[in-house]
Amino acid sequence: MWVFWVDAEYHVAVIGSPSGAAHVLSREMSLPPDRQRAVHEILAWNGYDVTRLRPARRK
């Protein structure tokens, strides 16, 4: 696993693996639009298929 990005406030982290799996970790239930754009840009720049991103199912 690689940590690609953590925002300045440590509220969002983007991690990925060599297999192509990517995960977005967030302290909040949803990401603000600017954070969503950042996540997509970071993953796309690192060669990940951002069309495969899906929201997590939280209980």
N, C-alpha and C. Protein backbone atom coordinates (compact mmCIF):
# COMPACT_ATOMS: atom_id res chain seq x y z
N MET A 1 0.84 -1.18 0.00
CA MET A 1 0.00 0.00 0.00
C MET A 1 0.88 1.24 0.00
N TRP A 2 0.39 2.26 -0.71
CA TRP A 2 1.07 3.55 -0.74
C TRP A 2 0.12 4.62 -0.26
N VAL A 3 0.62 5.55 0.49
CA VAL A 3 -0.16 6.73 0.86
C VAL A 3 0.18 7.80 -0.16
N PHE A 4 -0.81 8.19 -0.96
CA PHE A 4 -0.58 9.19 -2.00
C PHE A 4 -0.77 10.61 -1.49
N TRP A 5 -1.68 10.78 -0.56
CA TRP A 5 -2.00 12.15 -0.14
C TRP A 5 -2.74 12.13 1.19
N VAL A 6 -2.42 13.09 2.03
CA VAL A 6 -3.17 13.37 3.26
C VAL A 6 -3.36 14.88 3.29
N ASP A 7 -4.60 15.32 3.51
CA ASP A 7 -4.82 16.77 3.51
C ASP A 7 -4.20 17.40 4.76
N ALA A 8 -4.07 18.70 4.73
CA ALA A 8 -3.35 19.43 5.78
C ALA A 8 -3.95 19.23 7.17
N GLU A 9 -5.26 19.01 7.24
CA GLU A 9 -5.93 18.84 8.53
C GLU A 9 -6.05 17.38 8.95
N TYR A 10 -5.50 16.47 8.15
CA TYR A 10 -5.58 15.03 8.41
C TYR A 10 -7.03 14.54 8.47
N HIS A 11 -7.87 15.08 7.60
CA HIS A 11 -9.26 14.63 7.52
C HIS A 11 -9.48 13.65 6.38
N VAL A 12 -8.61 13.69 5.37
CA VAL A 12 -8.75 12.83 4.19
C VAL A 12 -7.39 12.24 3.83
N ALA A 13 -7.39 10.95 3.51
CA ALA A 13 -6.18 10.29 3.04
C ALA A 13 -6.53 9.45 1.81
N VAL A 14 -5.61 9.38 0.87
CA VAL A 14 -5.78 8.58 -0.34
C VAL A 14 -4.67 7.54 -0.35
N ILE A 15 -5.07 6.26 -0.42
CA ILE A 15 -4.09 5.19 -0.45
C ILE A 15 -4.36 4.30 -1.66
N GLY A 16 -3.33 3.64 -2.14
CA GLY A 16 -3.48 2.75 -3.28
C GLY A 16 -2.53 1.57 -3.16
N SER A 17 -2.80 0.56 -3.98
CA SER A 17 -1.95 -0.63 -3.97
C SER A 17 -1.49 -0.94 -5.39
N PRO A 18 -0.44 -1.74 -5.52
CA PRO A 18 0.05 -2.11 -6.85
C PRO A 18 -1.00 -2.86 -7.67
N SER A 19 -1.96 -3.49 -7.02
CA SER A 19 -2.99 -4.24 -7.74
C SER A 19 -4.02 -3.34 -8.41
N GLY A 20 -3.97 -2.04 -8.12
CA GLY A 20 -4.92 -1.11 -8.72
C GLY A 20 -6.06 -0.72 -7.79
N ALA A 21 -6.09 -1.29 -6.61
CA ALA A 21 -7.12 -0.92 -5.63
C ALA A 21 -6.75 0.42 -5.02
N ALA A 22 -7.76 1.24 -4.80
CA ALA A 22 -7.55 2.55 -4.17
C ALA A 22 -8.61 2.76 -3.11
N HIS A 23 -8.23 3.46 -2.06
CA HIS A 23 -9.16 3.75 -0.97
C HIS A 23 -9.01 5.20 -0.55
N VAL A 24 -10.14 5.78 -0.21
CA VAL A 24 -10.17 7.14 0.31
C VAL A 24 -10.67 7.05 1.74
N LEU A 25 -9.87 7.51 2.67
CA LEU A 25 -10.25 7.48 4.08
C LEU A 25 -10.62 8.89 4.50
N SER A 26 -11.77 9.02 5.16
CA SER A 26 -12.24 10.34 5.56
C SER A 26 -12.85 10.28 6.95
N ARG A 27 -12.66 11.34 7.69
CA ARG A 27 -13.28 11.44 9.01
C ARG A 27 -14.76 11.81 8.91
N GLU A 28 -15.15 12.35 7.76
CA GLU A 28 -16.53 12.80 7.55
C GLU A 28 -17.28 11.79 6.69
N MET A 29 -18.62 11.86 6.73
CA MET A 29 -19.45 10.96 5.94
C MET A 29 -19.35 11.25 4.45
N SER A 30 -19.10 12.51 4.09
CA SER A 30 -18.97 12.85 2.67
C SER A 30 -17.84 13.86 2.51
N LEU A 31 -17.32 13.91 1.30
CA LEU A 31 -16.21 14.83 1.01
C LEU A 31 -16.74 16.09 0.36
N PRO A 32 -16.21 17.25 0.74
CA PRO A 32 -16.56 18.48 0.03
C PRO A 32 -16.09 18.38 -1.43
N PRO A 33 -16.72 19.13 -2.33
CA PRO A 33 -16.36 19.06 -3.75
C PRO A 33 -14.87 19.29 -4.04
N ASP A 34 -14.23 20.20 -3.32
CA ASP A 34 -12.81 20.44 -3.58
C ASP A 34 -11.95 19.24 -3.20
N ARG A 35 -12.33 18.55 -2.15
CA ARG A 35 -11.59 17.34 -1.74
C ARG A 35 -11.85 16.20 -2.73
N GLN A 36 -13.08 16.09 -3.22
CA GLN A 36 -13.40 15.06 -4.22
C GLN A 36 -12.56 15.27 -5.48
N ARG A 37 -12.46 16.52 -5.92
CA ARG A 37 -11.64 16.82 -7.10
C ARG A 37 -10.17 16.46 -6.84
N ALA A 38 -9.68 16.80 -5.67
CA ALA A 38 -8.28 16.49 -5.33
C ALA A 38 -8.05 14.98 -5.35
N VAL A 39 -8.94 14.23 -4.76
CA VAL A 39 -8.82 12.76 -4.74
C VAL A 39 -8.78 12.22 -6.16
N HIS A 40 -9.70 12.66 -7.01
CA HIS A 40 -9.74 12.17 -8.39
C HIS A 40 -8.47 12.53 -9.15
N GLU A 41 -8.01 13.77 -8.98
CA GLU A 41 -6.79 14.20 -9.68
C GLU A 41 -5.57 13.39 -9.23
N ILE A 42 -5.46 13.16 -7.94
CA ILE A 42 -4.31 12.43 -7.40
C ILE A 42 -4.31 10.98 -7.89
N LEU A 43 -5.48 10.34 -7.83
CA LEU A 43 -5.55 8.95 -8.29
C LEU A 43 -5.33 8.85 -9.80
N ALA A 44 -5.93 9.74 -10.56
CA ALA A 44 -5.75 9.71 -12.03
C ALA A 44 -4.28 9.94 -12.38
N TRP A 45 -3.65 10.89 -11.72
CA TRP A 45 -2.24 11.19 -11.99
C TRP A 45 -1.35 9.98 -11.72
N ASN A 46 -1.76 9.16 -10.74
CA ASN A 46 -0.99 7.97 -10.39
C ASN A 46 -1.42 6.74 -11.18
N GLY A 47 -2.28 6.93 -12.19
CA GLY A 47 -2.65 5.83 -13.09
C GLY A 47 -3.83 4.99 -12.66
N TYR A 48 -4.59 5.44 -11.69
CA TYR A 48 -5.75 4.68 -11.21
C TYR A 48 -6.99 5.06 -12.01
N ASP A 49 -7.89 4.10 -12.19
CA ASP A 49 -9.14 4.32 -12.91
C ASP A 49 -10.16 4.90 -11.94
N VAL A 50 -10.36 6.21 -11.98
CA VAL A 50 -11.25 6.87 -11.02
C VAL A 50 -12.72 6.55 -11.29
N THR A 51 -13.04 6.00 -12.46
CA THR A 51 -14.44 5.62 -12.73
C THR A 51 -14.86 4.43 -11.87
N ARG A 52 -13.89 3.74 -11.29
CA ARG A 52 -14.21 2.60 -10.43
C ARG A 52 -14.47 3.00 -8.97
N LEU A 53 -14.26 4.26 -8.63
CA LEU A 53 -14.50 4.70 -7.25
C LEU A 53 -15.99 4.62 -6.93
N ARG A 54 -16.30 4.09 -5.78
CA ARG A 54 -17.68 3.98 -5.30
C ARG A 54 -17.73 4.45 -3.85
N PRO A 55 -18.84 5.08 -3.46
CA PRO A 55 -18.97 5.48 -2.05
C PRO A 55 -19.01 4.25 -1.15
N ALA A 56 -18.44 4.39 0.01
CA ALA A 56 -18.47 3.30 0.99
C ALA A 56 -19.87 3.20 1.59
N ARG A 57 -20.22 2.00 1.95
CA ARG A 57 -21.50 1.79 2.64
C ARG A 57 -21.23 1.87 4.14
N ARG A 58 -21.77 2.88 4.75
CA ARG A 58 -21.58 3.05 6.20
C ARG A 58 -22.89 2.77 6.91
N LYS A 59 -22.75 2.21 8.08
CA LYS A 59 -23.96 1.89 8.87
C LYS A 59 -24.22 2.95 9.89
